[in-house]
């Protein structure tokens, strides 16, 4: 289990994560894609990365919009370095954003 990060550390990290936010105690990324198929492709790529990191984000899909919410369940639903590591890896998929 990772140690929960302080709010200042979370906001400092978010400065380098374009399009990510902090809402309801979770890291948040909303991505609008071209269509449903592109959204599913993105979800599958995120899923593969998350599985390799043994991290399981909340993923919500509504047609072409994908919403990702990250927190560490083992840390009581708080943000840890594990969440930032996953967010950085996902960000590489979003390099065109």
N, C-alpha and C. Protein backbone atom coordinates (compact mmCIF):
# COMPACT_ATOMS: atom_id res chain seq x y z
N UNK A 1 0.85 -1.19 0.00
CA UNK A 1 0.00 0.00 0.00
C UNK A 1 0.89 1.25 0.00
N UNK A 2 0.52 2.21 -0.83
CA UNK A 2 1.27 3.45 -0.88
C UNK A 2 0.78 4.44 0.15
N UNK A 3 1.63 5.37 0.44
CA UNK A 3 1.29 6.43 1.40
C UNK A 3 0.47 7.51 0.69
N UNK A 4 -0.67 7.91 1.25
CA UNK A 4 -1.45 8.99 0.64
C UNK A 4 -0.63 10.27 0.52
N UNK A 5 -0.80 10.94 -0.61
CA UNK A 5 -0.09 12.19 -0.85
C UNK A 5 -0.86 13.38 -0.27
N UNK A 6 -0.12 14.38 0.11
CA UNK A 6 -0.72 15.64 0.57
C UNK A 6 -1.28 16.38 -0.64
N UNK A 7 -2.27 17.24 -0.41
CA UNK A 7 -2.89 18.02 -1.49
C UNK A 7 -1.86 18.82 -2.29
N UNK A 8 -0.89 19.39 -1.62
CA UNK A 8 0.12 20.20 -2.32
C UNK A 8 0.90 19.34 -3.31
N UNK A 9 1.25 18.13 -2.93
CA UNK A 9 2.00 17.23 -3.82
C UNK A 9 1.14 16.81 -5.01
N UNK A 10 -0.13 16.60 -4.77
CA UNK A 10 -1.05 16.22 -5.84
C UNK A 10 -1.16 17.35 -6.85
N UNK A 11 -1.37 18.56 -6.37
CA UNK A 11 -1.52 19.71 -7.28
C UNK A 11 -0.23 20.02 -8.02
N UNK A 12 0.89 19.82 -7.37
CA UNK A 12 2.18 20.02 -8.04
C UNK A 12 2.34 19.02 -9.18
N UNK A 13 1.98 17.77 -8.95
CA UNK A 13 2.07 16.74 -9.99
C UNK A 13 1.11 17.02 -11.14
N UNK A 14 -0.07 17.53 -10.82
CA UNK A 14 -1.06 17.81 -11.86
C UNK A 14 -0.59 18.89 -12.83
N UNK A 15 0.32 19.73 -12.40
CA UNK A 15 0.82 20.79 -13.28
C UNK A 15 1.49 20.21 -14.52
N UNK A 16 2.02 19.00 -14.42
CA UNK A 16 2.69 18.38 -15.57
C UNK A 16 1.81 17.33 -16.27
N UNK A 17 0.56 17.22 -15.85
CA UNK A 17 -0.36 16.26 -16.45
C UNK A 17 -1.50 17.01 -17.14
N UNK A 18 -1.28 17.32 -18.40
CA UNK A 18 -2.23 18.11 -19.18
C UNK A 18 -3.60 17.43 -19.23
N UNK A 19 -4.62 18.19 -18.87
CA UNK A 19 -5.98 17.70 -18.97
C UNK A 19 -6.45 16.88 -17.78
N UNK A 20 -5.59 16.71 -16.79
CA UNK A 20 -5.98 15.98 -15.58
C UNK A 20 -6.42 16.96 -14.52
N UNK A 21 -7.33 16.51 -13.68
CA UNK A 21 -7.79 17.33 -12.58
C UNK A 21 -7.89 16.51 -11.31
N UNK A 22 -8.37 17.14 -10.27
CA UNK A 22 -8.54 16.51 -8.96
C UNK A 22 -9.95 16.83 -8.50
N UNK A 23 -10.78 15.79 -8.40
CA UNK A 23 -12.18 15.99 -8.06
C UNK A 23 -12.66 14.86 -7.15
N UNK A 24 -13.32 15.22 -6.09
CA UNK A 24 -13.87 14.24 -5.14
C UNK A 24 -12.81 13.26 -4.65
N UNK A 25 -11.60 13.76 -4.45
CA UNK A 25 -10.52 12.93 -3.91
C UNK A 25 -9.89 11.98 -4.91
N UNK A 26 -10.16 12.16 -6.20
CA UNK A 26 -9.61 11.28 -7.24
C UNK A 26 -8.97 12.11 -8.34
N UNK A 27 -7.96 11.53 -8.99
CA UNK A 27 -7.44 12.14 -10.20
C UNK A 27 -8.46 11.89 -11.30
N UNK A 28 -8.70 12.89 -12.14
CA UNK A 28 -9.76 12.82 -13.13
C UNK A 28 -9.24 13.22 -14.50
N UNK A 29 -9.58 12.41 -15.51
CA UNK A 29 -9.27 12.73 -16.90
C UNK A 29 -10.51 12.41 -17.72
N UNK A 30 -10.99 13.38 -18.50
CA UNK A 30 -12.10 13.18 -19.41
C UNK A 30 -11.56 13.38 -20.81
N UNK A 31 -11.84 12.40 -21.66
CA UNK A 31 -11.30 12.46 -23.01
C UNK A 31 -12.43 12.23 -24.01
N UNK A 32 -12.60 13.16 -24.93
CA UNK A 32 -13.56 13.01 -26.02
C UNK A 32 -12.81 12.53 -27.24
N UNK A 33 -13.24 11.39 -27.77
CA UNK A 33 -12.58 10.80 -28.91
C UNK A 33 -13.46 10.91 -30.15
N UNK A 34 -12.96 10.41 -31.26
CA UNK A 34 -13.66 10.57 -32.54
C UNK A 34 -15.00 9.85 -32.56
N UNK A 35 -15.02 8.61 -32.06
CA UNK A 35 -16.24 7.82 -32.09
C UNK A 35 -16.14 6.71 -31.04
N UNK A 36 -17.16 5.86 -31.00
CA UNK A 36 -17.23 4.79 -30.01
C UNK A 36 -16.07 3.81 -30.15
N UNK A 37 -15.73 3.46 -31.38
CA UNK A 37 -14.63 2.50 -31.60
C UNK A 37 -13.31 3.05 -31.09
N UNK A 38 -13.06 4.32 -31.33
CA UNK A 38 -11.82 4.94 -30.84
C UNK A 38 -11.82 4.99 -29.31
N UNK A 39 -12.98 5.24 -28.73
CA UNK A 39 -13.09 5.24 -27.27
C UNK A 39 -12.77 3.86 -26.70
N UNK A 40 -13.30 2.81 -27.32
CA UNK A 40 -13.03 1.45 -26.86
C UNK A 40 -11.55 1.10 -27.01
N UNK A 41 -10.94 1.53 -28.08
CA UNK A 41 -9.52 1.28 -28.29
C UNK A 41 -8.70 1.94 -27.18
N UNK A 42 -9.03 3.18 -26.85
CA UNK A 42 -8.35 3.89 -25.78
C UNK A 42 -8.55 3.16 -24.45
N UNK A 43 -9.77 2.73 -24.17
CA UNK A 43 -10.05 2.01 -22.93
C UNK A 43 -9.22 0.73 -22.84
N UNK A 44 -9.13 0.00 -23.94
CA UNK A 44 -8.33 -1.23 -23.94
C UNK A 44 -6.86 -0.95 -23.68
N UNK A 45 -6.34 0.13 -24.25
CA UNK A 45 -4.94 0.49 -24.02
C UNK A 45 -4.72 0.88 -22.56
N UNK A 46 -5.64 1.65 -22.01
CA UNK A 46 -5.55 2.03 -20.59
C UNK A 46 -5.62 0.77 -19.72
N UNK A 47 -6.52 -0.13 -20.07
CA UNK A 47 -6.67 -1.36 -19.31
C UNK A 47 -5.41 -2.20 -19.30
N UNK A 48 -4.72 -2.28 -20.43
CA UNK A 48 -3.49 -3.06 -20.51
C UNK A 48 -2.40 -2.44 -19.63
N UNK A 49 -2.28 -1.13 -19.69
CA UNK A 49 -1.29 -0.44 -18.85
C UNK A 49 -1.62 -0.62 -17.37
N UNK A 50 -2.88 -0.42 -17.04
CA UNK A 50 -3.31 -0.54 -15.64
C UNK A 50 -3.06 -1.95 -15.10
N UNK A 51 -3.34 -2.95 -15.90
CA UNK A 51 -3.14 -4.33 -15.47
C UNK A 51 -1.66 -4.61 -15.20
N UNK A 52 -0.79 -4.10 -16.07
CA UNK A 52 0.66 -4.28 -15.86
C UNK A 52 1.12 -3.62 -14.56
N UNK A 53 0.45 -2.52 -14.20
CA UNK A 53 0.82 -1.80 -12.98
C UNK A 53 0.03 -2.30 -11.76
N UNK A 54 -0.80 -3.31 -11.95
CA UNK A 54 -1.66 -3.83 -10.89
C UNK A 54 -2.48 -2.70 -10.26
N UNK A 55 -3.06 -1.91 -11.14
CA UNK A 55 -3.89 -0.77 -10.73
C UNK A 55 -5.18 -0.84 -11.53
N UNK A 56 -6.27 -0.55 -10.90
CA UNK A 56 -7.55 -0.73 -11.57
C UNK A 56 -8.41 0.52 -11.43
N UNK A 57 -8.28 1.43 -12.40
CA UNK A 57 -9.00 2.70 -12.33
C UNK A 57 -10.48 2.53 -12.62
N UNK A 58 -11.22 3.54 -12.23
CA UNK A 58 -12.63 3.62 -12.59
C UNK A 58 -12.67 4.17 -14.02
N UNK A 59 -13.32 3.43 -14.91
CA UNK A 59 -13.41 3.83 -16.32
C UNK A 59 -14.89 3.91 -16.69
N UNK A 60 -15.30 5.07 -17.18
CA UNK A 60 -16.69 5.28 -17.58
C UNK A 60 -16.68 5.65 -19.06
N UNK A 61 -17.50 4.97 -19.84
CA UNK A 61 -17.59 5.25 -21.26
C UNK A 61 -19.01 5.63 -21.61
N UNK A 62 -19.15 6.76 -22.29
CA UNK A 62 -20.44 7.20 -22.79
C UNK A 62 -20.24 7.60 -24.24
N UNK A 63 -20.51 6.69 -25.13
CA UNK A 63 -20.32 6.81 -26.57
C UNK A 63 -18.86 7.11 -26.90
N UNK A 64 -18.50 8.36 -27.12
CA UNK A 64 -17.12 8.68 -27.48
C UNK A 64 -16.36 9.37 -26.34
N UNK A 65 -17.00 9.54 -25.21
CA UNK A 65 -16.39 10.19 -24.05
C UNK A 65 -15.96 9.13 -23.04
N UNK A 66 -14.68 9.21 -22.65
CA UNK A 66 -14.14 8.30 -21.65
C UNK A 66 -13.72 9.13 -20.45
N UNK A 67 -14.18 8.72 -19.28
CA UNK A 67 -13.83 9.37 -18.02
C UNK A 67 -13.02 8.38 -17.19
N UNK A 68 -11.86 8.82 -16.74
CA UNK A 68 -10.99 8.00 -15.90
C UNK A 68 -10.90 8.65 -14.52
N UNK A 69 -11.02 7.83 -13.49
CA UNK A 69 -10.87 8.30 -12.12
C UNK A 69 -9.89 7.38 -11.42
N UNK A 70 -8.86 7.98 -10.84
CA UNK A 70 -7.80 7.20 -10.20
C UNK A 70 -7.71 7.51 -8.72
N UNK A 71 -7.63 6.47 -7.93
CA UNK A 71 -7.29 6.54 -6.52
C UNK A 71 -6.77 5.16 -6.14
N UNK A 72 -6.10 5.07 -5.02
CA UNK A 72 -5.55 3.79 -4.59
C UNK A 72 -6.46 3.20 -3.53
N UNK A 73 -7.12 2.12 -3.90
CA UNK A 73 -8.09 1.49 -3.01
C UNK A 73 -7.44 0.99 -1.73
N UNK A 74 -6.20 0.45 -1.85
CA UNK A 74 -5.49 -0.07 -0.68
C UNK A 74 -5.11 1.03 0.31
N UNK A 75 -5.15 2.27 -0.15
CA UNK A 75 -4.81 3.41 0.72
C UNK A 75 -6.07 4.15 1.14
N UNK A 76 -7.17 3.44 1.19
CA UNK A 76 -8.43 4.05 1.64
C UNK A 76 -9.05 4.99 0.62
N UNK A 77 -8.76 4.74 -0.68
CA UNK A 77 -9.32 5.59 -1.72
C UNK A 77 -8.63 6.93 -1.84
N UNK A 78 -7.42 7.04 -1.34
CA UNK A 78 -6.64 8.28 -1.42
C UNK A 78 -5.71 8.24 -2.63
N UNK A 79 -5.15 9.38 -2.97
CA UNK A 79 -4.18 9.48 -4.07
C UNK A 79 -2.80 9.13 -3.54
N UNK A 80 -2.11 8.23 -4.26
CA UNK A 80 -0.74 7.87 -3.91
C UNK A 80 0.12 8.02 -5.16
N UNK A 81 1.40 7.77 -5.00
CA UNK A 81 2.32 7.82 -6.14
C UNK A 81 1.90 6.80 -7.21
N UNK A 82 1.29 5.72 -6.80
CA UNK A 82 0.80 4.71 -7.74
C UNK A 82 -0.18 5.33 -8.74
N UNK A 83 -1.02 6.22 -8.28
CA UNK A 83 -1.98 6.89 -9.17
C UNK A 83 -1.29 7.82 -10.14
N UNK A 84 -0.30 8.54 -9.64
CA UNK A 84 0.44 9.45 -10.51
C UNK A 84 1.23 8.68 -11.57
N UNK A 85 1.77 7.54 -11.20
CA UNK A 85 2.51 6.70 -12.16
C UNK A 85 1.58 6.25 -13.27
N UNK A 86 0.38 5.81 -12.92
CA UNK A 86 -0.58 5.40 -13.94
C UNK A 86 -1.03 6.59 -14.78
N UNK A 87 -1.29 7.72 -14.16
CA UNK A 87 -1.71 8.91 -14.91
C UNK A 87 -0.64 9.33 -15.91
N UNK A 88 0.61 9.26 -15.51
CA UNK A 88 1.71 9.62 -16.44
C UNK A 88 1.76 8.66 -17.62
N UNK A 89 1.56 7.38 -17.36
CA UNK A 89 1.56 6.39 -18.44
C UNK A 89 0.37 6.61 -19.38
N UNK A 90 -0.79 6.91 -18.83
CA UNK A 90 -1.96 7.20 -19.65
C UNK A 90 -1.74 8.46 -20.46
N UNK A 91 -1.09 9.44 -19.87
CA UNK A 91 -0.84 10.70 -20.55
C UNK A 91 -0.06 10.49 -21.85
N UNK A 92 0.83 9.50 -21.84
CA UNK A 92 1.58 9.19 -23.07
C UNK A 92 0.65 8.75 -24.20
N UNK A 93 -0.47 8.12 -23.86
CA UNK A 93 -1.46 7.75 -24.87
C UNK A 93 -2.20 8.97 -25.41
N UNK A 94 -2.21 10.04 -24.64
CA UNK A 94 -2.97 11.24 -24.98
C UNK A 94 -2.07 12.33 -25.54
N UNK A 95 -0.95 11.97 -26.09
CA UNK A 95 0.02 12.98 -26.51
C UNK A 95 -0.51 13.94 -27.57
N UNK A 96 -1.58 13.56 -28.25
CA UNK A 96 -2.17 14.45 -29.26
C UNK A 96 -3.16 15.44 -28.67
N UNK A 97 -3.48 15.29 -27.38
CA UNK A 97 -4.44 16.19 -26.74
C UNK A 97 -3.83 17.57 -26.49
